[in-house]
């Protein structure tokens, strides 16, 4: 988990960290959060079928819980999220804590 427990605000009226309690449900556009096609990442057709079917499946929109917003030195906001990632076969699940740019998240509408 990304630990912000000991962060001290210099100007409490203008916080740079805004938490959600409880965390809010969001979707992460993993292509925006991790642009994996850049910088020489290998294509899926160049790996074995074993890897294609049992490795992490990080594509499209993934379910996540947003814990907080944190402001960067240049004024941009990053979302502190826990993303649930399954393997390609859907039998395993891991939770990954990440900081992602604001354009990579979409709030999930509340259901009544």
Protein backbone atom coordinates (compact mmCIF):
# COMPACT_ATOMS: atom_id res chain seq x y z
CA UNK A 1 0.00 0.00 0.00
CA UNK A 2 1.18 3.52 -0.72
CA UNK A 3 1.61 5.03 2.74
CA UNK A 4 0.59 8.68 3.16
CA UNK A 5 -0.13 8.40 6.89
CA UNK A 6 2.78 10.59 8.00
CA UNK A 7 2.34 13.36 5.42
CA UNK A 8 2.17 16.78 7.07
CA UNK A 9 0.41 19.58 5.21
CA UNK A 10 2.23 22.92 5.29
CA UNK A 11 -0.98 24.79 4.41
CA UNK A 12 -3.89 22.74 5.79
CA UNK A 13 -6.45 24.99 4.10
CA UNK A 14 -4.96 24.00 0.73
CA UNK A 15 -4.09 20.30 1.04
CA UNK A 16 -1.96 18.54 -1.56
CA UNK A 17 -3.35 15.15 -0.53
CA UNK A 18 -7.10 14.49 -0.52
CA UNK A 19 -8.20 11.11 0.77
CA UNK A 20 -11.33 9.04 0.23
CA UNK A 21 -12.78 7.21 3.21
CA UNK A 22 -14.03 4.77 2.15
CA UNK A 23 -12.07 4.49 -1.11
CA UNK A 24 -14.14 5.20 -4.21
CA UNK A 25 -14.69 2.76 -7.06
CA UNK A 26 -12.99 3.74 -10.32
CA UNK A 27 -11.96 2.20 -13.62
CA UNK A 28 -8.35 2.54 -14.78
CA UNK A 29 -7.53 2.89 -18.47
CA UNK A 30 -4.39 0.81 -18.20
CA UNK A 31 -3.22 1.97 -21.65
CA UNK A 32 -3.00 5.53 -20.29
CA UNK A 33 -1.67 4.51 -16.88
CA UNK A 34 1.04 2.25 -18.32
CA UNK A 35 1.75 2.96 -21.99
CA UNK A 36 3.25 -0.50 -22.47
CA UNK A 37 3.53 -0.32 -26.26
CA UNK A 38 6.27 2.31 -26.09
CA UNK A 39 9.97 1.84 -25.58
CA UNK A 40 10.49 -1.57 -27.12
CA UNK A 41 7.87 -3.65 -25.31
CA UNK A 42 7.46 -6.95 -27.12
CA UNK A 43 4.21 -7.81 -28.87
CA UNK A 44 2.01 -10.61 -27.52
CA UNK A 45 2.53 -12.74 -30.64
CA UNK A 46 6.24 -13.00 -29.80
CA UNK A 47 5.73 -14.76 -26.47
CA UNK A 48 4.83 -18.33 -25.67
CA UNK A 49 1.24 -19.50 -25.28
CA UNK A 50 2.07 -20.39 -21.65
CA UNK A 51 2.82 -16.73 -20.92
CA UNK A 52 -0.17 -15.45 -22.92
CA UNK A 53 -2.59 -17.57 -20.89
CA UNK A 54 -1.10 -17.33 -17.39
CA UNK A 55 0.58 -13.91 -17.07
CA UNK A 56 -1.00 -10.65 -15.87
CA UNK A 57 -3.70 -9.39 -18.20
CA UNK A 58 -3.23 -5.63 -18.25
CA UNK A 59 -5.43 -4.31 -21.03
CA UNK A 60 -8.47 -2.09 -21.35
CA UNK A 61 -10.25 -0.80 -18.26
CA UNK A 62 -9.52 -2.43 -14.90
CA UNK A 63 -11.46 -2.19 -11.62
CA UNK A 64 -9.73 -0.18 -8.93
CA UNK A 65 -10.27 1.61 -5.63
CA UNK A 66 -9.04 5.19 -5.40
CA UNK A 67 -7.51 5.92 -2.00
CA UNK A 68 -6.46 9.54 -2.55
CA UNK A 69 -5.50 12.39 -4.86
CA UNK A 70 -2.00 13.85 -4.54
CA UNK A 71 -0.84 17.06 -6.19
CA UNK A 72 2.52 17.16 -7.98
CA UNK A 73 4.94 20.08 -7.93
CA UNK A 74 3.68 21.22 -11.36
CA UNK A 75 0.02 21.35 -10.29
CA UNK A 76 -1.12 18.05 -11.82
CA UNK A 77 -3.13 15.60 -9.73
CA UNK A 78 -2.23 11.93 -9.46
CA UNK A 79 -4.65 9.29 -8.21
CA UNK A 80 -3.44 6.78 -5.62
CA UNK A 81 -5.25 3.59 -6.57
CA UNK A 82 -5.31 -0.12 -5.85
CA UNK A 83 -5.89 -1.95 -9.14
CA UNK A 84 -7.21 -5.52 -9.29
CA UNK A 85 -5.40 -7.42 -12.03
CA UNK A 86 -6.22 -10.99 -13.09
CA UNK A 87 -4.16 -13.38 -15.12
CA UNK A 88 -5.19 -13.98 -18.72
CA UNK A 89 -6.96 -17.20 -17.72
CA UNK A 90 -8.96 -15.46 -15.00
CA UNK A 91 -7.90 -17.83 -12.22
CA UNK A 92 -5.52 -15.59 -10.27
CA UNK A 93 -5.90 -12.05 -8.96
CA UNK A 94 -3.41 -9.56 -7.52
CA UNK A 95 -3.88 -6.06 -6.17
CA UNK A 96 -1.32 -3.49 -7.30
CA UNK A 97 -0.93 -0.05 -5.74
CA UNK A 98 -0.20 2.64 -8.31
CA UNK A 99 -0.05 6.37 -8.86
CA UNK A 100 -1.76 7.25 -12.16
CA UNK A 101 -2.49 10.48 -13.97
CA UNK A 102 -6.00 11.93 -13.68
CA UNK A 103 -6.79 11.17 -17.33
CA UNK A 104 -6.35 7.43 -16.67
CA UNK A 105 -9.26 7.11 -14.22
CA UNK A 106 -13.04 7.19 -14.54
CA UNK A 107 -15.36 7.21 -11.55
CA UNK A 108 -17.81 4.32 -11.42
CA UNK A 109 -21.38 5.63 -11.02
CA UNK A 110 -23.02 4.70 -7.72
CA UNK A 111 -25.78 2.11 -7.98
CA UNK A 112 -28.94 2.46 -5.94
